Amino acid sequence: MEKYLACLGVLGALALGGCATRLEGEASPAAAQAETAEPQQEPLRVTLVLRDGSKVTGQPALAALPLRTDYTQVDMPLAKISAVKFFADATNAVVSLANGDKLSAVPGLAELKVTTVYGKVVIPLKLIASLTVSTGGTSAAPREGLVLWFPFDGVQGPEVTDASEHGHFGRLVRGACIVAAASLVPQR
């Protein structure tokens, strides 16, 4: 008899506490709400490499980059872009898309607005060498396939170009230099 009273006491406490029983396989209200809610989009993050070697990272004010090609004009969503390399004249760019497509285009803006850890900045396009797009966090999300490639062919000066076109450019520092491969072969 004490067993039954203890079970009734536990069931009564659960009922008074607002707990409800469900049939097996029936989703809880919280689970049903989570299933119907749209997935959370991580905020986009851009990394701008400036022509003077500076790097600026932050959240862009725009959601799409206006582009004009020889065959169309489009507002390309930043989420579809992996990297943009701007030519020195700031009137032409090569846009690498996340799906592997590459476009030669004319950017339809003169500046980029970015919210950084030190506040909002407006950077003229003519000062930007490249732009990479990633999602949230403090580091770029890993991408499948080739992420960077430094072939070291024709390096002039301290700049090393990323041939993967993702914009992960490098700079030779602290006296590093490129040496011809033939000089690395041991003499017999």
N, C-alpha and C. Protein backbone atom coordinates (compact mmCIF):
# COMPACT_ATOMS: atom_id res chain seq x y z
N MET A 1 0.83 -1.18 0.00
CA MET A 1 0.00 0.00 0.00
C MET A 1 0.88 1.25 0.00
N GLU A 2 2.00 1.22 0.75
CA GLU A 2 2.89 2.38 0.79
C GLU A 2 3.49 2.67 -0.59
N LYS A 3 3.78 1.59 -1.37
CA LYS A 3 4.31 1.77 -2.72
C LYS A 3 3.34 2.57 -3.57
N TYR A 4 2.06 2.21 -3.49
CA TYR A 4 1.06 2.89 -4.30
C TYR A 4 0.90 4.35 -3.89
N LEU A 5 0.95 4.61 -2.60
CA LEU A 5 0.83 5.99 -2.12
C LEU A 5 2.02 6.82 -2.58
N ALA A 6 3.21 6.21 -2.56
CA ALA A 6 4.41 6.92 -3.00
C ALA A 6 4.31 7.25 -4.50
N CYS A 7 3.83 6.29 -5.31
CA CYS A 7 3.67 6.54 -6.74
C CYS A 7 2.64 7.61 -7.00
N LEU A 8 1.51 7.57 -6.26
CA LEU A 8 0.50 8.60 -6.43
C LEU A 8 1.03 9.96 -6.02
N GLY A 9 1.86 9.98 -4.98
CA GLY A 9 2.46 11.24 -4.53
C GLY A 9 3.38 11.82 -5.59
N VAL A 10 4.18 10.98 -6.23
CA VAL A 10 5.09 11.44 -7.28
C VAL A 10 4.29 11.94 -8.48
N LEU A 11 3.26 11.18 -8.90
CA LEU A 11 2.43 11.59 -10.02
C LEU A 11 1.70 12.90 -9.73
N GLY A 12 1.22 13.05 -8.50
CA GLY A 12 0.54 14.28 -8.11
C GLY A 12 1.49 15.46 -8.14
N ALA A 13 2.71 15.26 -7.67
CA ALA A 13 3.71 16.34 -7.68
C ALA A 13 4.05 16.73 -9.12
N LEU A 14 4.17 15.74 -10.00
CA LEU A 14 4.43 16.05 -11.40
C LEU A 14 3.28 16.83 -12.02
N ALA A 15 2.05 16.43 -11.71
CA ALA A 15 0.90 17.13 -12.27
C ALA A 15 0.82 18.55 -11.74
N LEU A 16 1.06 18.74 -10.47
CA LEU A 16 1.02 20.08 -9.88
C LEU A 16 2.17 20.93 -10.39
N GLY A 17 3.29 20.30 -10.74
CA GLY A 17 4.45 21.04 -11.23
C GLY A 17 4.30 21.45 -12.68
N GLY A 18 3.22 21.10 -13.33
CA GLY A 18 2.98 21.52 -14.70
C GLY A 18 3.53 20.55 -15.73
N CYS A 19 3.95 19.37 -15.32
CA CYS A 19 4.45 18.39 -16.28
C CYS A 19 3.27 17.69 -16.91
N ALA A 20 3.39 17.38 -18.17
CA ALA A 20 2.32 16.67 -18.87
C ALA A 20 2.91 15.43 -19.50
N THR A 21 2.08 14.42 -19.60
CA THR A 21 2.56 13.20 -20.24
C THR A 21 2.22 13.26 -21.72
N ARG A 22 3.02 12.58 -22.54
CA ARG A 22 2.79 12.52 -23.98
C ARG A 22 2.77 11.07 -24.40
N LEU A 23 2.09 10.81 -25.47
CA LEU A 23 2.14 9.48 -26.05
C LEU A 23 3.50 9.28 -26.68
N GLU A 24 3.95 8.05 -26.73
CA GLU A 24 5.25 7.78 -27.32
C GLU A 24 5.24 8.22 -28.78
N GLY A 25 6.29 8.92 -29.22
CA GLY A 25 6.38 9.39 -30.60
C GLY A 25 5.78 10.77 -30.80
N GLU A 26 5.05 11.28 -29.80
CA GLU A 26 4.45 12.61 -29.92
C GLU A 26 5.50 13.64 -29.53
N ALA A 27 5.67 14.66 -30.35
CA ALA A 27 6.69 15.68 -30.10
C ALA A 27 6.24 16.62 -29.00
N SER A 28 7.20 17.08 -28.20
CA SER A 28 6.90 18.09 -27.19
C SER A 28 6.61 19.41 -27.90
N PRO A 29 5.90 20.34 -27.26
CA PRO A 29 5.65 21.64 -27.88
C PRO A 29 6.94 22.37 -28.26
N ALA A 30 7.96 22.27 -27.41
CA ALA A 30 9.24 22.93 -27.72
C ALA A 30 9.90 22.30 -28.94
N ALA A 31 9.83 20.97 -29.04
CA ALA A 31 10.43 20.29 -30.18
C ALA A 31 9.67 20.63 -31.46
N ALA A 32 8.34 20.69 -31.37
CA ALA A 32 7.55 21.04 -32.55
C ALA A 32 7.86 22.46 -33.00
N GLN A 33 8.03 23.37 -32.05
CA GLN A 33 8.35 24.76 -32.39
C GLN A 33 9.74 24.83 -33.04
N ALA A 34 10.70 24.07 -32.52
CA ALA A 34 12.05 24.07 -33.08
C ALA A 34 12.05 23.53 -34.51
N GLU A 35 11.18 22.53 -34.78
CA GLU A 35 11.11 21.96 -36.12
C GLU A 35 10.54 22.94 -37.13
N THR A 36 9.58 23.77 -36.71
CA THR A 36 8.95 24.70 -37.63
C THR A 36 9.71 26.01 -37.76
N ALA A 37 10.58 26.31 -36.79
CA ALA A 37 11.34 27.57 -36.85
C ALA A 37 12.37 27.49 -37.97
N GLU A 38 12.62 28.62 -38.61
CA GLU A 38 13.63 28.67 -39.67
C GLU A 38 15.01 28.54 -39.06
N PRO A 39 15.95 27.90 -39.76
CA PRO A 39 17.30 27.76 -39.22
C PRO A 39 17.94 29.13 -39.05
N GLN A 40 18.71 29.28 -37.99
CA GLN A 40 19.40 30.53 -37.70
C GLN A 40 20.52 30.74 -38.72
N GLN A 41 20.54 31.90 -39.34
CA GLN A 41 21.61 32.25 -40.27
C GLN A 41 22.75 32.89 -39.48
N GLU A 42 23.95 32.36 -39.67
CA GLU A 42 25.09 32.99 -39.03
C GLU A 42 25.37 34.30 -39.74
N PRO A 43 25.80 35.33 -39.01
CA PRO A 43 26.08 36.60 -39.68
C PRO A 43 27.28 36.47 -40.62
N LEU A 44 27.19 37.19 -41.72
CA LEU A 44 28.31 37.19 -42.67
C LEU A 44 29.43 38.06 -42.13
N ARG A 45 30.64 37.70 -42.49
CA ARG A 45 31.81 38.43 -42.07
C ARG A 45 32.67 38.62 -43.31
N VAL A 46 33.21 39.82 -43.48
CA VAL A 46 34.13 40.06 -44.59
C VAL A 46 35.50 40.39 -44.05
N THR A 47 36.50 39.96 -44.77
CA THR A 47 37.88 40.34 -44.48
C THR A 47 38.39 41.09 -45.68
N LEU A 48 38.76 42.35 -45.48
CA LEU A 48 39.27 43.19 -46.55
C LEU A 48 40.77 43.30 -46.40
N VAL A 49 41.51 43.00 -47.46
CA VAL A 49 42.94 43.23 -47.49
C VAL A 49 43.14 44.51 -48.28
N LEU A 50 43.71 45.51 -47.61
CA LEU A 50 43.89 46.80 -48.25
C LEU A 50 45.21 46.85 -49.02
N ARG A 51 45.31 47.77 -49.94
CA ARG A 51 46.49 47.89 -50.79
C ARG A 51 47.76 48.20 -49.99
N ASP A 52 47.61 48.81 -48.81
CA ASP A 52 48.79 49.13 -47.99
C ASP A 52 49.20 47.96 -47.09
N GLY A 53 48.50 46.81 -47.22
CA GLY A 53 48.83 45.63 -46.43
C GLY A 53 47.98 45.48 -45.18
N SER A 54 47.18 46.48 -44.84
CA SER A 54 46.29 46.39 -43.68
C SER A 54 45.20 45.35 -43.95
N LYS A 55 44.62 44.83 -42.86
CA LYS A 55 43.52 43.88 -42.97
C LYS A 55 42.40 44.36 -42.06
N VAL A 56 41.19 44.44 -42.59
CA VAL A 56 40.02 44.88 -41.83
C VAL A 56 38.98 43.78 -41.89
N THR A 57 38.51 43.34 -40.72
CA THR A 57 37.52 42.27 -40.64
C THR A 57 36.30 42.79 -39.89
N GLY A 58 35.13 42.46 -40.40
CA GLY A 58 33.91 42.88 -39.71
C GLY A 58 32.66 42.44 -40.45
N GLN A 59 31.53 42.95 -39.97
CA GLN A 59 30.24 42.62 -40.55
C GLN A 59 29.88 43.68 -41.58
N PRO A 60 29.58 43.27 -42.81
CA PRO A 60 29.28 44.25 -43.86
C PRO A 60 27.89 44.87 -43.68
N ALA A 61 27.76 46.12 -44.12
CA ALA A 61 26.47 46.79 -44.05
C ALA A 61 25.55 46.34 -45.17
N LEU A 62 26.10 45.84 -46.27
CA LEU A 62 25.28 45.42 -47.39
C LEU A 62 25.15 43.91 -47.41
N ALA A 63 24.03 43.43 -47.97
CA ALA A 63 23.79 41.99 -48.07
C ALA A 63 24.15 41.45 -49.44
N ALA A 64 24.29 42.35 -50.42
CA ALA A 64 24.61 41.93 -51.79
C ALA A 64 25.57 42.92 -52.42
N LEU A 65 26.41 42.43 -53.30
CA LEU A 65 27.37 43.26 -54.01
C LEU A 65 26.85 43.52 -55.42
N PRO A 66 26.58 44.79 -55.75
CA PRO A 66 26.10 45.08 -57.10
C PRO A 66 27.24 44.89 -58.12
N LEU A 67 26.97 44.10 -59.17
CA LEU A 67 27.98 43.78 -60.18
C LEU A 67 27.40 43.96 -61.57
N ARG A 68 28.25 44.39 -62.50
CA ARG A 68 27.87 44.47 -63.91
C ARG A 68 28.90 43.68 -64.71
N THR A 69 28.41 42.73 -65.49
CA THR A 69 29.29 41.97 -66.38
C THR A 69 28.95 42.36 -67.81
N ASP A 70 29.62 41.74 -68.79
CA ASP A 70 29.33 42.01 -70.19
C ASP A 70 27.93 41.54 -70.58
N TYR A 71 27.36 40.61 -69.80
CA TYR A 71 26.09 40.01 -70.19
C TYR A 71 24.94 40.22 -69.21
N THR A 72 25.20 40.79 -68.02
CA THR A 72 24.11 41.00 -67.07
C THR A 72 24.51 41.98 -65.98
N GLN A 73 23.51 42.43 -65.26
CA GLN A 73 23.73 43.24 -64.06
C GLN A 73 23.01 42.52 -62.93
N VAL A 74 23.68 42.33 -61.80
CA VAL A 74 23.12 41.53 -60.73
C VAL A 74 23.56 42.07 -59.37
N ASP A 75 22.68 41.92 -58.39
CA ASP A 75 23.05 42.15 -57.00
C ASP A 75 23.38 40.79 -56.42
N MET A 76 24.68 40.44 -56.38
CA MET A 76 25.11 39.12 -55.95
C MET A 76 25.10 39.05 -54.42
N PRO A 77 24.30 38.14 -53.83
CA PRO A 77 24.29 38.01 -52.37
C PRO A 77 25.69 37.67 -51.85
N LEU A 78 26.11 38.35 -50.80
CA LEU A 78 27.44 38.09 -50.23
C LEU A 78 27.59 36.63 -49.81
N ALA A 79 26.50 36.01 -49.38
CA ALA A 79 26.55 34.62 -48.95
C ALA A 79 26.95 33.68 -50.09
N LYS A 80 26.81 34.11 -51.33
CA LYS A 80 27.18 33.29 -52.50
C LYS A 80 28.61 33.56 -52.96
N ILE A 81 29.27 34.56 -52.37
CA ILE A 81 30.62 34.97 -52.78
C ILE A 81 31.64 34.38 -51.81
N SER A 82 32.73 33.83 -52.35
CA SER A 82 33.82 33.39 -51.47
C SER A 82 34.94 34.42 -51.44
N ALA A 83 35.22 35.06 -52.59
CA ALA A 83 36.31 36.05 -52.62
C ALA A 83 36.13 37.00 -53.80
N VAL A 84 36.69 38.19 -53.65
CA VAL A 84 36.72 39.18 -54.73
C VAL A 84 38.12 39.77 -54.77
N LYS A 85 38.71 39.80 -55.95
CA LYS A 85 40.02 40.45 -56.13
C LYS A 85 39.77 41.70 -56.97
N PHE A 86 40.07 42.87 -56.39
CA PHE A 86 39.86 44.13 -57.09
C PHE A 86 41.13 44.54 -57.81
N PHE A 87 40.99 45.02 -59.04
CA PHE A 87 42.13 45.54 -59.78
C PHE A 87 42.50 46.91 -59.22
N ALA A 88 43.71 47.35 -59.47
CA ALA A 88 44.22 48.60 -58.89
C ALA A 88 43.37 49.81 -59.25
N ASP A 89 42.73 49.79 -60.41
CA ASP A 89 41.92 50.94 -60.80
C ASP A 89 40.55 50.96 -60.11
N ALA A 90 40.20 49.92 -59.39
CA ALA A 90 38.95 49.77 -58.64
C ALA A 90 37.72 49.78 -59.54
N THR A 91 37.91 49.66 -60.84
CA THR A 91 36.74 49.62 -61.73
C THR A 91 36.47 48.21 -62.23
N ASN A 92 37.36 47.28 -61.97
CA ASN A 92 37.18 45.89 -62.40
C ASN A 92 37.53 44.96 -61.25
N ALA A 93 36.91 43.77 -61.28
CA ALA A 93 37.16 42.79 -60.23
C ALA A 93 36.93 41.39 -60.77
N VAL A 94 37.54 40.41 -60.11
CA VAL A 94 37.26 39.01 -60.38
C VAL A 94 36.55 38.48 -59.14
N VAL A 95 35.34 37.97 -59.33
CA VAL A 95 34.51 37.50 -58.22
C VAL A 95 34.47 35.98 -58.26
N SER A 96 34.94 35.34 -57.18
CA SER A 96 34.89 33.88 -57.05
C SER A 96 33.68 33.54 -56.20
N LEU A 97 32.78 32.71 -56.75
CA LEU A 97 31.58 32.34 -56.03
C LEU A 97 31.78 31.04 -55.27
N ALA A 98 30.96 30.83 -54.25
CA ALA A 98 31.08 29.65 -53.40
C ALA A 98 30.88 28.35 -54.17
N ASN A 99 30.14 28.39 -55.29
CA ASN A 99 29.91 27.17 -56.08
C ASN A 99 31.03 26.88 -57.08
N GLY A 100 32.07 27.75 -57.12
CA GLY A 100 33.19 27.55 -58.02
C GLY A 100 33.18 28.43 -59.25
N ASP A 101 32.05 29.09 -59.54
CA ASP A 101 32.00 30.00 -60.68
C ASP A 101 32.91 31.19 -60.43
N LYS A 102 33.35 31.80 -61.54
CA LYS A 102 34.20 32.99 -61.46
C LYS A 102 33.68 34.00 -62.47
N LEU A 103 33.52 35.25 -62.03
CA LEU A 103 33.00 36.31 -62.90
C LEU A 103 33.99 37.46 -62.97
N SER A 104 34.19 37.99 -64.17
CA SER A 104 34.88 39.27 -64.33
C SER A 104 33.77 40.31 -64.33
N ALA A 105 33.87 41.30 -63.46
CA ALA A 105 32.76 42.24 -63.30
C ALA A 105 33.25 43.62 -62.91
N VAL A 106 32.33 44.58 -63.05
CA VAL A 106 32.56 45.94 -62.60
C VAL A 106 31.71 46.12 -61.35
N PRO A 107 32.34 46.40 -60.19
CA PRO A 107 31.56 46.62 -58.96
C PRO A 107 30.72 47.90 -59.10
N GLY A 108 29.49 47.84 -58.61
CA GLY A 108 28.59 48.97 -58.71
C GLY A 108 28.53 49.80 -57.44
N LEU A 109 29.66 49.98 -56.79
CA LEU A 109 29.72 50.83 -55.61
C LEU A 109 31.10 51.46 -55.49
N ALA A 110 31.19 52.51 -54.73
CA ALA A 110 32.46 53.23 -54.59
C ALA A 110 33.14 52.97 -53.25
N GLU A 111 32.40 52.40 -52.29
CA GLU A 111 32.94 52.18 -50.95
C GLU A 111 32.22 51.02 -50.28
N LEU A 112 32.86 50.47 -49.26
CA LEU A 112 32.26 49.41 -48.45
C LEU A 112 32.16 49.88 -47.01
N LYS A 113 30.99 49.65 -46.40
CA LYS A 113 30.78 49.98 -44.99
C LYS A 113 30.85 48.69 -44.20
N VAL A 114 31.68 48.69 -43.15
CA VAL A 114 31.90 47.49 -42.35
C VAL A 114 31.88 47.87 -40.87
N THR A 115 31.19 47.07 -40.06
CA THR A 115 31.21 47.25 -38.62
C THR A 115 32.29 46.34 -38.05
N THR A 116 33.31 46.95 -37.45
CA THR A 116 34.46 46.21 -36.91
C THR A 116 34.43 46.25 -35.39
N VAL A 117 35.41 45.63 -34.76
CA VAL A 117 35.50 45.67 -33.30
C VAL A 117 35.80 47.07 -32.80
N TYR A 118 36.32 47.93 -33.66
CA TYR A 118 36.63 49.30 -33.26
C TYR A 118 35.64 50.31 -33.83
N GLY A 119 34.47 49.83 -34.29
CA GLY A 119 33.42 50.74 -34.76
C GLY A 119 33.14 50.58 -36.25
N LYS A 120 32.28 51.48 -36.75
CA LYS A 120 31.91 51.44 -38.16
C LYS A 120 32.94 52.19 -38.98
N VAL A 121 33.33 51.58 -40.11
CA VAL A 121 34.30 52.22 -41.02
C VAL A 121 33.73 52.21 -42.43
N VAL A 122 34.12 53.20 -43.21
CA VAL A 122 33.76 53.28 -44.61
C VAL A 122 35.07 53.30 -45.39
N ILE A 123 35.27 52.29 -46.25
CA ILE A 123 36.54 52.15 -46.96
C ILE A 123 36.30 52.31 -48.45
N PRO A 124 36.96 53.28 -49.08
CA PRO A 124 36.82 53.45 -50.53
C PRO A 124 37.31 52.19 -51.25
N LEU A 125 36.58 51.79 -52.29
CA LEU A 125 36.91 50.59 -53.04
C LEU A 125 38.32 50.63 -53.63
N LYS A 126 38.79 51.81 -54.00
CA LYS A 126 40.12 51.93 -54.60
C LYS A 126 41.24 51.55 -53.62
N LEU A 127 40.94 51.48 -52.31
CA LEU A 127 41.95 51.10 -51.31
C LEU A 127 41.94 49.59 -51.03
N ILE A 128 40.95 48.87 -51.57
CA ILE A 128 40.78 47.44 -51.26
C ILE A 128 41.41 46.59 -52.36
N ALA A 129 42.31 45.68 -51.97
CA ALA A 129 42.93 44.75 -52.91
C ALA A 129 42.08 43.49 -53.07
N SER A 130 41.54 42.99 -51.94
CA SER A 130 40.72 41.78 -52.01
C SER A 130 39.74 41.75 -50.86
N LEU A 131 38.73 40.90 -51.03
CA LEU A 131 37.69 40.72 -50.04
C LEU A 131 37.38 39.24 -49.96
N THR A 132 37.27 38.69 -48.76
CA THR A 132 36.81 37.31 -48.59
C THR A 132 35.59 37.33 -47.70
N VAL A 133 34.69 36.38 -47.91
CA VAL A 133 33.45 36.30 -47.16
C VAL A 133 33.44 35.00 -46.38
N SER A 134 33.03 35.07 -45.12
CA SER A 134 32.87 33.87 -44.30
C SER A 134 31.65 34.07 -43.41
N THR A 135 31.29 33.05 -42.65
CA THR A 135 30.13 33.14 -41.78
C THR A 135 30.56 33.08 -40.32
N GLY A 136 30.03 33.99 -39.53
CA GLY A 136 30.16 34.02 -38.08
C GLY A 136 31.52 33.67 -37.52
N GLY A 137 31.56 33.54 -36.21
CA GLY A 137 32.75 33.11 -35.50
C GLY A 137 33.93 34.04 -35.66
N THR A 138 35.06 33.58 -35.15
CA THR A 138 36.27 34.39 -35.22
C THR A 138 37.19 33.92 -36.33
N SER A 139 36.85 32.81 -36.95
CA SER A 139 37.66 32.37 -38.08
C SER A 139 36.75 31.90 -39.19
N ALA A 140 37.27 31.90 -40.38
CA ALA A 140 36.45 31.50 -41.53
C ALA A 140 36.08 30.03 -41.42
N ALA A 141 34.88 29.71 -41.85
CA ALA A 141 34.45 28.32 -41.87
C ALA A 141 35.27 27.56 -42.91
N PRO A 142 35.70 26.35 -42.58
CA PRO A 142 36.49 25.61 -43.56
C PRO A 142 35.67 25.35 -44.82
N ARG A 143 36.31 25.41 -45.96
CA ARG A 143 35.66 25.13 -47.24
C ARG A 143 36.25 23.85 -47.79
N GLU A 144 35.43 23.13 -48.55
CA GLU A 144 35.93 21.93 -49.18
C GLU A 144 36.84 22.31 -50.33
N GLY A 145 37.78 21.44 -50.64
CA GLY A 145 38.67 21.68 -51.77
C GLY A 145 39.84 22.57 -51.43
N LEU A 146 40.44 23.10 -52.47
CA LEU A 146 41.62 23.93 -52.34
C LEU A 146 41.29 25.24 -51.63
N VAL A 147 41.97 25.53 -50.54
CA VAL A 147 41.73 26.76 -49.79
C VAL A 147 42.75 27.82 -50.14
N LEU A 148 43.99 27.42 -50.34
CA LEU A 148 45.01 28.38 -50.74
C LEU A 148 46.12 27.65 -51.49
N TRP A 149 46.80 28.40 -52.37
CA TRP A 149 47.87 27.81 -53.15
C TRP A 149 48.88 28.90 -53.45
N PHE A 150 50.08 28.73 -52.94
CA PHE A 150 51.18 29.65 -53.19
C PHE A 150 52.18 28.96 -54.13
N PRO A 151 52.08 29.17 -55.43
CA PRO A 151 53.03 28.52 -56.34
C PRO A 151 54.40 29.18 -56.34
N PHE A 152 54.52 30.44 -55.83
CA PHE A 152 55.78 31.20 -55.77
C PHE A 152 56.40 31.42 -57.14
N ASP A 153 55.59 31.40 -58.19
CA ASP A 153 56.06 31.67 -59.55
C ASP A 153 56.06 33.17 -59.79
N GLY A 154 57.16 33.69 -60.23
CA GLY A 154 57.22 35.11 -60.61
C GLY A 154 56.97 36.07 -59.47
N VAL A 155 57.34 35.71 -58.24
CA VAL A 155 57.14 36.61 -57.11
C VAL A 155 58.06 37.82 -57.28
N GLN A 156 57.47 38.99 -57.23
CA GLN A 156 58.24 40.23 -57.33
C GLN A 156 57.95 41.03 -56.06
N GLY A 157 58.94 41.25 -55.26
CA GLY A 157 58.72 41.98 -54.01
C GLY A 157 58.20 41.05 -52.92
N PRO A 158 57.63 41.63 -51.86
CA PRO A 158 57.23 40.81 -50.71
C PRO A 158 55.86 40.15 -50.83
N GLU A 159 55.05 40.51 -51.86
CA GLU A 159 53.69 39.97 -51.98
C GLU A 159 53.70 38.59 -52.63
N VAL A 160 52.95 37.65 -52.05
CA VAL A 160 52.79 36.31 -52.62
C VAL A 160 51.30 36.13 -52.91
N THR A 161 50.97 35.84 -54.15
CA THR A 161 49.58 35.74 -54.58
C THR A 161 49.03 34.34 -54.36
N ASP A 162 47.82 34.28 -53.82
CA ASP A 162 47.10 33.03 -53.63
C ASP A 162 46.49 32.63 -54.97
N ALA A 163 46.99 31.58 -55.60
CA ALA A 163 46.51 31.15 -56.91
C ALA A 163 45.17 30.42 -56.82
N SER A 164 44.68 30.12 -55.61
CA SER A 164 43.36 29.49 -55.48
C SER A 164 42.25 30.49 -55.71
N GLU A 165 42.57 31.76 -55.74
CA GLU A 165 41.63 32.86 -55.96
C GLU A 165 40.64 33.03 -54.81
N HIS A 166 40.98 32.52 -53.62
CA HIS A 166 40.16 32.77 -52.43
C HIS A 166 40.62 34.01 -51.69
N GLY A 167 41.69 34.62 -52.16
CA GLY A 167 42.13 35.87 -51.56
C GLY A 167 43.00 35.73 -50.33
N HIS A 168 43.59 34.57 -50.09
CA HIS A 168 44.46 34.37 -48.93
C HIS A 168 45.90 34.72 -49.32
N PHE A 169 46.12 35.98 -49.61
CA PHE A 169 47.42 36.43 -50.07
C PHE A 169 48.42 36.42 -48.92
N GLY A 170 49.71 36.35 -49.27
CA GLY A 170 50.75 36.32 -48.25
C GLY A 170 51.76 37.42 -48.48
N ARG A 171 52.64 37.55 -47.52
CA ARG A 171 53.70 38.56 -47.59
C ARG A 171 54.96 37.94 -46.98
N LEU A 172 56.06 38.07 -47.70
CA LEU A 172 57.34 37.59 -47.17
C LEU A 172 57.80 38.59 -46.11
N VAL A 173 58.17 38.08 -44.94
CA VAL A 173 58.57 38.95 -43.84
C VAL A 173 59.88 38.48 -43.21
N ARG A 174 60.48 39.35 -42.42
CA ARG A 174 61.68 39.04 -41.63
C ARG A 174 62.83 38.49 -42.48
N GLY A 175 63.02 39.07 -43.66
CA GLY A 175 64.15 38.68 -44.49
C GLY A 175 63.93 37.46 -45.36
N ALA A 176 62.73 36.90 -45.35
CA ALA A 176 62.45 35.73 -46.20
C ALA A 176 62.55 36.13 -47.66
N CYS A 177 63.02 35.22 -48.49
CA CYS A 177 63.12 35.51 -49.92
C CYS A 177 62.88 34.22 -50.71
N ILE A 178 62.60 34.37 -51.98
CA ILE A 178 62.37 33.23 -52.86
C ILE A 178 63.72 32.85 -53.49
N VAL A 179 64.03 31.55 -53.46
CA VAL A 179 65.29 31.05 -54.02
C VAL A 179 64.93 30.10 -55.16
N ALA A 180 65.65 30.19 -56.26
CA ALA A 180 65.40 29.32 -57.41
C ALA A 180 65.55 27.86 -57.00
N ALA A 181 64.67 26.99 -57.51
CA ALA A 181 64.67 25.58 -57.14
C ALA A 181 65.99 24.90 -57.49
N ALA A 182 66.64 25.30 -58.57
CA ALA A 182 67.89 24.67 -59.00
C ALA A 182 68.98 24.83 -57.94
N SER A 183 68.95 25.90 -57.19
CA SER A 183 70.00 26.12 -56.19
C SER A 183 69.80 25.25 -54.96
N LEU A 184 68.63 24.57 -54.84
CA LEU A 184 68.39 23.70 -53.70
C LEU A 184 68.84 22.28 -53.94
N VAL A 185 69.19 21.94 -55.20
CA VAL A 185 69.62 20.59 -55.53
C VAL A 185 71.07 20.43 -55.09
N PRO A 186 71.36 19.39 -54.27
CA PRO A 186 72.72 19.19 -53.81
C PRO A 186 73.68 18.85 -54.98
N GLN A 187 74.84 19.41 -54.92
CA GLN A 187 75.88 19.14 -55.95
C GLN A 187 76.58 17.84 -55.62
N ARG A 188 76.86 17.00 -56.62
CA ARG A 188 77.55 15.72 -56.40
C ARG A 188 78.95 15.79 -56.88
